[in-house]
Amino acid sequence: MSMLLRSAPLRAARALPVARQQVRNVHFENVVDHTLPTNVTNKPWLAIKMIVFTTLGFGTPFFAAKWQMSKSGAA
C-alpha cells in the first residue's frame, strides 16, 4: 500500500503540462488618463476621494482601538 501512495504524486506531477499560455478575455486601451479606475481630470473631486480613502484607511485601526478601550472602561 505504501508503494502506491508514494508513486501517486509522481504520476500526478508528470501529467501536468509544463508551460501553458494563459488566455485573458479582457482588453485595456493604453490611453493617457484612462488607465486608472477613477476620473483624474477633475482635480478637486480626486483630492476629496484621496483624502477620504487615506483617512479611513489610516484612521480605522485607531478608531477601533479607541472604541474597544471605551467599551472596557480604560479610556
PDB file of N, CA and C in Angstrom:
ATOM      1  N   MET A   1       0.818  -1.202   0.000  1.00  0.00           N
ATOM      2  CA  MET A   1       0.000   0.000   0.000  1.00  0.00           C
ATOM      3  C   MET A   1       0.860   1.263   0.000  1.00  0.00           C
ATOM      4  N   SER A   2       1.970   1.257   0.738  1.00  0.00           N
ATOM      5  CA  SER A   2       2.795   2.457   0.788  1.00  0.00           C
ATOM      6  C   SER A   2       3.454   2.737  -0.560  1.00  0.00           C
ATOM      7  N   MET A   3       3.718   1.696  -1.336  1.00  0.00           N
ATOM      8  CA  MET A   3       4.308   1.891  -2.662  1.00  0.00           C
ATOM      9  C   MET A   3       3.326   2.625  -3.577  1.00  0.00           C
ATOM     10  N   LEU A   4       2.046   2.309  -3.468  1.00  0.00           N
ATOM     11  CA  LEU A   4       1.037   3.002  -4.269  1.00  0.00           C
ATOM     12  C   LEU A   4       0.910   4.458  -3.858  1.00  0.00           C
ATOM     13  N   LEU A   5       0.957   4.718  -2.571  1.00  0.00           N
ATOM     14  CA  LEU A   5       0.832   6.092  -2.105  1.00  0.00           C
ATOM     15  C   LEU A   5       2.040   6.930  -2.495  1.00  0.00           C
ATOM     16  N   ARG A   6       3.224   6.297  -2.545  1.00  0.00           N
ATOM     17  CA  ARG A   6       4.416   7.033  -2.917  1.00  0.00           C
ATOM     18  C   ARG A   6       4.442   7.376  -4.400  1.00  0.00           C
ATOM     19  N   SER A   7       3.937   6.518  -5.237  1.00  0.00           N
ATOM     20  CA  SER A   7       4.028   6.744  -6.673  1.00  0.00           C
ATOM     21  C   SER A   7       2.887   7.609  -7.215  1.00  0.00           C
ATOM     22  N   ALA A   8       1.796   7.759  -6.484  1.00  0.00           N
ATOM     23  CA  ALA A   8       0.660   8.545  -6.974  1.00  0.00           C
ATOM     24  C   ALA A   8       1.022  10.016  -7.206  1.00  0.00           C
ATOM     25  N   PRO A   9       1.698  10.700  -6.282  1.00  0.00           N
ATOM     26  CA  PRO A   9       2.052  12.105  -6.558  1.00  0.00           C
ATOM     27  C   PRO A   9       3.022  12.248  -7.719  1.00  0.00           C
ATOM     28  N   LEU A  10       3.883  11.266  -7.924  1.00  0.00           N
ATOM     29  CA  LEU A  10       4.817  11.349  -9.044  1.00  0.00           C
ATOM     30  C   LEU A  10       4.091  11.263 -10.377  1.00  0.00           C
ATOM     31  N   ARG A  11       3.114  10.381 -10.464  1.00  0.00           N
ATOM     32  CA  ARG A  11       2.333  10.289 -11.697  1.00  0.00           C
ATOM     33  C   ARG A  11       1.519  11.544 -11.920  1.00  0.00           C
ATOM     34  N   ALA A  12       0.983  12.118 -10.862  1.00  0.00           N
ATOM     35  CA  ALA A  12       0.182  13.339 -10.987  1.00  0.00           C
ATOM     36  C   ALA A  12       1.056  14.506 -11.450  1.00  0.00           C
ATOM     37  N   ALA A  13       2.291  14.573 -10.965  1.00  0.00           N
ATOM     38  CA  ALA A  13       3.184  15.659 -11.362  1.00  0.00           C
ATOM     39  C   ALA A  13       3.599  15.532 -12.821  1.00  0.00           C
ATOM     40  N   ARG A  14       3.765  14.310 -13.305  1.00  0.00           N
ATOM     41  CA  ARG A  14       4.136  14.114 -14.696  1.00  0.00           C
ATOM     42  C   ARG A  14       2.977  14.429 -15.637  1.00  0.00           C
ATOM     43  N   ALA A  15       1.749  14.318 -15.166  1.00  0.00           N
ATOM     44  CA  ALA A  15       0.587  14.521 -16.019  1.00  0.00           C
ATOM     45  C   ALA A  15       0.321  16.001 -16.288  1.00  0.00           C
ATOM     46  N   LEU A  16       0.865  16.904 -15.458  1.00  0.00           N
ATOM     47  CA  LEU A  16       0.623  18.330 -15.633  1.00  0.00           C
ATOM     48  C   LEU A  16       1.428  18.862 -16.817  1.00  0.00           C
ATOM     49  N   PRO A  17       0.851  19.756 -17.602  1.00  0.00           N
ATOM     50  CA  PRO A  17       1.624  20.354 -18.703  1.00  0.00           C
ATOM     51  C   PRO A  17       2.722  21.255 -18.141  1.00  0.00           C
ATOM     52  N   VAL A  18       3.816  21.340 -18.855  1.00  0.00           N
ATOM     53  CA  VAL A  18       4.980  22.077 -18.373  1.00  0.00           C
ATOM     54  C   VAL A  18       4.719  23.587 -18.403  1.00  0.00           C
ATOM     55  N   ALA A  19       4.342  24.112 -19.536  1.00  0.00           N
ATOM     56  CA  ALA A  19       4.083  25.549 -19.648  1.00  0.00           C
ATOM     57  C   ALA A  19       2.821  25.738 -20.472  1.00  0.00           C
ATOM     58  N   ARG A  20       1.875  26.497 -19.905  1.00  0.00           N
ATOM     59  CA  ARG A  20       0.617  26.721 -20.595  1.00  0.00           C
ATOM     60  C   ARG A  20       0.379  28.216 -20.725  1.00  0.00           C
ATOM     61  N   GLN A  21       0.029  28.650 -21.899  1.00  0.00           N
ATOM     62  CA  GLN A  21      -0.235  30.061 -22.140  1.00  0.00           C
ATOM     63  C   GLN A  21      -1.594  30.428 -21.556  1.00  0.00           C
ATOM     64  N   GLN A  22      -1.625  31.467 -20.725  1.00  0.00           N
ATOM     65  CA  GLN A  22      -2.893  31.904 -20.160  1.00  0.00           C
ATOM     66  C   GLN A  22      -3.599  32.824 -21.144  1.00  0.00           C
ATOM     67  N   VAL A  23      -4.899  32.641 -21.251  1.00  0.00           N
ATOM     68  CA  VAL A  23      -5.702  33.459 -22.149  1.00  0.00           C
ATOM     69  C   VAL A  23      -6.540  34.399 -21.295  1.00  0.00           C
ATOM     70  N   ARG A  24      -6.453  35.664 -21.594  1.00  0.00           N
ATOM     71  CA  ARG A  24      -7.247  36.655 -20.865  1.00  0.00           C
ATOM     72  C   ARG A  24      -8.309  37.206 -21.793  1.00  0.00           C
ATOM     73  N   ASN A  25      -9.508  37.322 -21.275  1.00  0.00           N
ATOM     74  CA  ASN A  25     -10.622  37.791 -22.091  1.00  0.00           C
ATOM     75  C   ASN A  25     -10.956  39.251 -21.804  1.00  0.00           C
ATOM     76  N   VAL A  26      -9.943  40.045 -21.520  1.00  0.00           N
ATOM     77  CA  VAL A  26     -10.148  41.472 -21.296  1.00  0.00           C
ATOM     78  C   VAL A  26      -9.195  42.252 -22.192  1.00  0.00           C
ATOM     79  N   HIS A  27      -9.571  43.456 -22.489  1.00  0.00           N
ATOM     80  CA  HIS A  27      -8.724  44.309 -23.315  1.00  0.00           C
ATOM     81  C   HIS A  27      -8.761  45.711 -22.732  1.00  0.00           C
ATOM     82  N   PHE A  28      -7.593  46.258 -22.455  1.00  0.00           N
ATOM     83  CA  PHE A  28      -7.487  47.604 -21.910  1.00  0.00           C
ATOM     84  C   PHE A  28      -6.782  48.487 -22.924  1.00  0.00           C
ATOM     85  N   GLU A  29      -7.386  49.608 -23.206  1.00  0.00           N
ATOM     86  CA  GLU A  29      -6.734  50.578 -24.079  1.00  0.00           C
ATOM     87  C   GLU A  29      -5.684  51.322 -23.269  1.00  0.00           C
ATOM     88  N   ASN A  30      -4.502  51.445 -23.788  1.00  0.00           N
ATOM     89  CA  ASN A  30      -3.425  52.151 -23.111  1.00  0.00           C
ATOM     90  C   ASN A  30      -3.434  53.601 -23.575  1.00  0.00           C
ATOM     91  N   VAL A  31      -4.341  54.386 -23.000  1.00  0.00           N
ATOM     92  CA  VAL A  31      -4.521  55.777 -23.375  1.00  0.00           C
ATOM     93  C   VAL A  31      -4.250  56.626 -22.140  1.00  0.00           C
ATOM     94  N   VAL A  32      -3.642  57.788 -22.327  1.00  0.00           N
ATOM     95  CA  VAL A  32      -3.331  58.669 -21.214  1.00  0.00           C
ATOM     96  C   VAL A  32      -4.626  59.068 -20.493  1.00  0.00           C
ATOM     97  N   ASP A  33      -4.608  59.035 -19.168  1.00  0.00           N
ATOM     98  CA  ASP A  33      -5.724  59.381 -18.281  1.00  0.00           C
ATOM     99  C   ASP A  33      -6.882  58.394 -18.353  1.00  0.00           C
ATOM    100  N   HIS A  34      -6.698  57.238 -18.953  1.00  0.00           N
ATOM    101  CA  HIS A  34      -7.767  56.244 -18.985  1.00  0.00           C
ATOM    102  C   HIS A  34      -7.318  54.910 -18.414  1.00  0.00           C
ATOM    103  N   THR A  35      -6.174  54.866 -17.746  1.00  0.00           N
ATOM    104  CA  THR A  35      -5.672  53.611 -17.201  1.00  0.00           C
ATOM    105  C   THR A  35      -6.004  53.434 -15.725  1.00  0.00           C
ATOM    106  N   LEU A  36      -6.548  54.458 -15.089  1.00  0.00           N
ATOM    107  CA  LEU A  36      -6.922  54.367 -13.679  1.00  0.00           C
ATOM    108  C   LEU A  36      -8.427  54.177 -13.565  1.00  0.00           C
ATOM    109  N   PRO A  37      -8.882  53.521 -12.496  1.00  0.00           N
ATOM    110  CA  PRO A  37     -10.314  53.276 -12.357  1.00  0.00           C
ATOM    111  C   PRO A  37     -11.101  54.477 -11.846  1.00  0.00           C
ATOM    112  N   THR A  38     -10.545  55.645 -11.906  1.00  0.00           N
ATOM    113  CA  THR A  38     -11.246  56.844 -11.469  1.00  0.00           C
ATOM    114  C   THR A  38     -10.925  57.985 -12.429  1.00  0.00           C
ATOM    115  N   ASN A  39     -11.709  59.015 -12.376  1.00  0.00           N
ATOM    116  CA  ASN A  39     -11.513  60.177 -13.233  1.00  0.00           C
ATOM    117  C   ASN A  39     -10.453  61.076 -12.599  1.00  0.00           C
ATOM    118  N   VAL A  40      -9.344  61.281 -13.285  1.00  0.00           N
ATOM    119  CA  VAL A  40      -8.266  62.107 -12.733  1.00  0.00           C
ATOM    120  C   VAL A  40      -8.255  63.507 -13.334  1.00  0.00           C
ATOM    121  N   THR A  41      -9.194  63.813 -14.196  1.00  0.00           N
ATOM    122  CA  THR A  41      -9.228  65.147 -14.788  1.00  0.00           C
ATOM    123  C   THR A  41      -9.901  66.158 -13.864  1.00  0.00           C
ATOM    124  N   ASN A  42     -10.771  65.709 -12.969  1.00  0.00           N
ATOM    125  CA  ASN A  42     -11.425  66.590 -12.013  1.00  0.00           C
ATOM    126  C   ASN A  42     -10.596  66.584 -10.726  1.00  0.00           C
ATOM    127  N   LYS A  43      -9.665  67.520 -10.610  1.00  0.00           N
ATOM    128  CA  LYS A  43      -8.683  67.521  -9.522  1.00  0.00           C
ATOM    129  C   LYS A  43      -9.303  67.688  -8.131  1.00  0.00           C
ATOM    130  N   PRO A  44     -10.272  68.596  -7.916  1.00  0.00           N
ATOM    131  CA  PRO A  44     -10.831  68.717  -6.566  1.00  0.00           C
ATOM    132  C   PRO A  44     -11.553  67.433  -6.117  1.00  0.00           C
ATOM    133  N   TRP A  45     -12.309  66.818  -6.996  1.00  0.00           N
ATOM    134  CA  TRP A  45     -13.017  65.587  -6.638  1.00  0.00           C
ATOM    135  C   TRP A  45     -12.034  64.452  -6.378  1.00  0.00           C
ATOM    136  N   LEU A  46     -10.957  64.396  -7.148  1.00  0.00           N
ATOM    137  CA  LEU A  46      -9.923  63.398  -6.928  1.00  0.00           C
ATOM    138  C   LEU A  46      -9.245  63.617  -5.575  1.00  0.00           C
ATOM    139  N   ALA A  47      -8.980  64.868  -5.219  1.00  0.00           N
ATOM    140  CA  ALA A  47      -8.358  65.171  -3.931  1.00  0.00           C
ATOM    141  C   ALA A  47      -9.269  64.766  -2.779  1.00  0.00           C
ATOM    142  N   ILE A  48     -10.570  65.010  -2.911  1.00  0.00           N
ATOM    143  CA  ILE A  48     -11.523  64.625  -1.859  1.00  0.00           C
ATOM    144  C   ILE A  48     -11.548  63.111  -1.702  1.00  0.00           C
ATOM    145  N   LYS A  49     -11.586  62.382  -2.827  1.00  0.00           N
ATOM    146  CA  LYS A  49     -11.598  60.923  -2.756  1.00  0.00           C
ATOM    147  C   LYS A  49     -10.323  60.383  -2.132  1.00  0.00           C
ATOM    148  N   MET A  50      -9.191  60.971  -2.481  1.00  0.00           N
ATOM    149  CA  MET A  50      -7.926  60.501  -1.911  1.00  0.00           C
ATOM    150  C   MET A  50      -7.830  60.788  -0.418  1.00  0.00           C
ATOM    151  N   ILE A  51      -8.301  61.944   0.007  1.00  0.00           N
ATOM    152  CA  ILE A  51      -8.273  62.294   1.428  1.00  0.00           C
ATOM    153  C   ILE A  51      -9.180  61.368   2.219  1.00  0.00           C
ATOM    154  N   VAL A  52     -10.378  61.114   1.714  1.00  0.00           N
ATOM    155  CA  VAL A  52     -11.303  60.204   2.407  1.00  0.00           C
ATOM    156  C   VAL A  52     -10.728  58.796   2.464  1.00  0.00           C
ATOM    157  N   PHE A  53     -10.148  58.332   1.365  1.00  0.00           N
ATOM    158  CA  PHE A  53      -9.583  56.988   1.320  1.00  0.00           C
ATOM    159  C   PHE A  53      -8.437  56.834   2.321  1.00  0.00           C
ATOM    160  N   THR A  54      -7.512  57.791   2.331  1.00  0.00           N
ATOM    161  CA  THR A  54      -6.371  57.672   3.240  1.00  0.00           C
ATOM    162  C   THR A  54      -6.779  57.877   4.691  1.00  0.00           C
ATOM    163  N   THR A  55      -7.745  58.776   4.955  1.00  0.00           N
ATOM    164  CA  THR A  55      -8.210  58.983   6.325  1.00  0.00           C
ATOM    165  C   THR A  55      -8.881  57.729   6.864  1.00  0.00           C
ATOM    166  N   LEU A  56      -9.747  57.128   6.066  1.00  0.00           N
ATOM    167  CA  LEU A  56     -10.409  55.906   6.526  1.00  0.00           C
ATOM    168  C   LEU A  56      -9.418  54.750   6.664  1.00  0.00           C
ATOM    169  N   GLY A  57      -8.524  54.615   5.700  1.00  0.00           N
ATOM    170  CA  GLY A  57      -7.575  53.508   5.744  1.00  0.00           C
ATOM    171  C   GLY A  57      -6.582  53.623   6.883  1.00  0.00           C
ATOM    172  N   PHE A  58      -6.104  54.825   7.154  1.00  0.00           N
ATOM    173  CA  PHE A  58      -5.126  55.017   8.217  1.00  0.00           C
ATOM    174  C   PHE A  58      -5.799  55.139   9.577  1.00  0.00           C
ATOM    175  N   GLY A  59      -6.984  55.756   9.625  1.00  0.00           N
ATOM    176  CA  GLY A  59      -7.614  56.043  10.906  1.00  0.00           C
ATOM    177  C   GLY A  59      -8.457  54.922  11.481  1.00  0.00           C
ATOM    178  N   THR A  60      -8.874  53.960  10.657  1.00  0.00           N
ATOM    179  CA  THR A  60      -9.753  52.900  11.138  1.00  0.00           C
ATOM    180  C   THR A  60      -9.154  52.112  12.309  1.00  0.00           C
ATOM    181  N   PRO A  61      -7.894  51.694  12.280  1.00  0.00           N
ATOM    182  CA  PRO A  61      -7.361  50.974  13.445  1.00  0.00           C
ATOM    183  C   PRO A  61      -7.361  51.819  14.715  1.00  0.00           C
ATOM    184  N   PHE A  62      -7.101  53.114  14.588  1.00  0.00           N
ATOM    185  CA  PHE A  62      -7.101  53.966  15.769  1.00  0.00           C
ATOM    186  C   PHE A  62      -8.513  54.165  16.317  1.00  0.00           C
ATOM    187  N   PHE A  63      -9.495  54.335  15.415  1.00  0.00           N
ATOM    188  CA  PHE A  63     -10.876  54.455  15.871  1.00  0.00           C
ATOM    189  C   PHE A  63     -11.350  53.157  16.514  1.00  0.00           C
ATOM    190  N   ALA A  64     -10.956  52.021  15.961  1.00  0.00           N
ATOM    191  CA  ALA A  64     -11.346  50.729  16.523  1.00  0.00           C
ATOM    192  C   ALA A  64     -10.709  50.530  17.892  1.00  0.00           C
ATOM    193  N   ALA A  65      -9.453  50.893  18.045  1.00  0.00           N
ATOM    194  CA  ALA A  65      -8.786  50.753  19.343  1.00  0.00           C
ATOM    195  C   ALA A  65      -9.432  51.658  20.385  1.00  0.00           C
ATOM    196  N   LYS A  66      -9.746  52.888  19.994  1.00  0.00           N
ATOM    197  CA  LYS A  66     -10.415  53.814  20.924  1.00  0.00           C
ATOM    198  C   LYS A  66     -11.778  53.279  21.335  1.00  0.00           C
ATOM    199  N   TRP A  67     -12.510  52.711  20.386  1.00  0.00           N
ATOM    200  CA  TRP A  67     -13.834  52.172  20.688  1.00  0.00           C
ATOM    201  C   TRP A  67     -13.725  50.969  21.629  1.00  0.00           C
ATOM    202  N   GLN A  68     -12.764  50.075  21.376  1.00  0.00           N
ATOM    203  CA  GLN A  68     -12.599  48.911  22.231  1.00  0.00           C
ATOM    204  C   GLN A  68     -12.155  49.327  23.640  1.00  0.00           C
ATOM    205  N   MET A  69     -11.307  50.333  23.727  1.00  0.00           N
ATOM    206  CA  MET A  69     -10.880  50.790  25.046  1.00  0.00           C
ATOM    207  C   MET A  69     -12.025  51.465  25.782  1.00  0.00           C
ATOM    208  N   SER A  70     -12.876  52.186  25.068  1.00  0.00           N
ATOM    209  CA  SER A  70     -14.010  52.829  25.741  1.00  0.00           C
ATOM    210  C   SER A  70     -15.039  51.796  26.188  1.00  0.00           C
ATOM    211  N   LYS A  71     -15.144  50.677  25.469  1.00  0.00           N
ATOM    212  CA  LYS A  71     -16.051  49.609  25.897  1.00  0.00           C
ATOM    213  C   LYS A  71     -15.558  48.955  27.184  1.00  0.00           C
ATOM    214  N   SER A  72     -14.244  48.830  27.321  1.00  0.00           N
ATOM    215  CA  SER A  72     -13.698  48.184  28.518  1.00  0.00           C
ATOM    216  C   SER A  72     -13.587  49.141  29.680  1.00  0.00           C
ATOM    217  N   GLY A  73     -13.752  50.430  29.454  1.00  0.00           N
ATOM    218  CA  GLY A  73     -13.676  51.417  30.514  1.00  0.00           C
ATOM    219  C   GLY A  73     -12.260  51.904  30.771  1.00  0.00           C
ATOM    220  N   ALA A  74     -11.330  51.628  29.869  1.00  0.00           N
ATOM    221  CA  ALA A  74      -9.933  52.007  30.071  1.00  0.00           C
ATOM    222  C   ALA A  74      -9.690  53.474  29.710  1.00  0.00           C
ATOM    223  N   ALA A  75     -10.489  54.028  28.841  1.00  0.00           N
ATOM    224  CA  ALA A  75     -10.215  55.403  28.420  1.00  0.00           C
ATOM    225  C   ALA A  75     -11.218  56.360  28.973  1.00  0.00           C
TER     226      ALA A  75
END
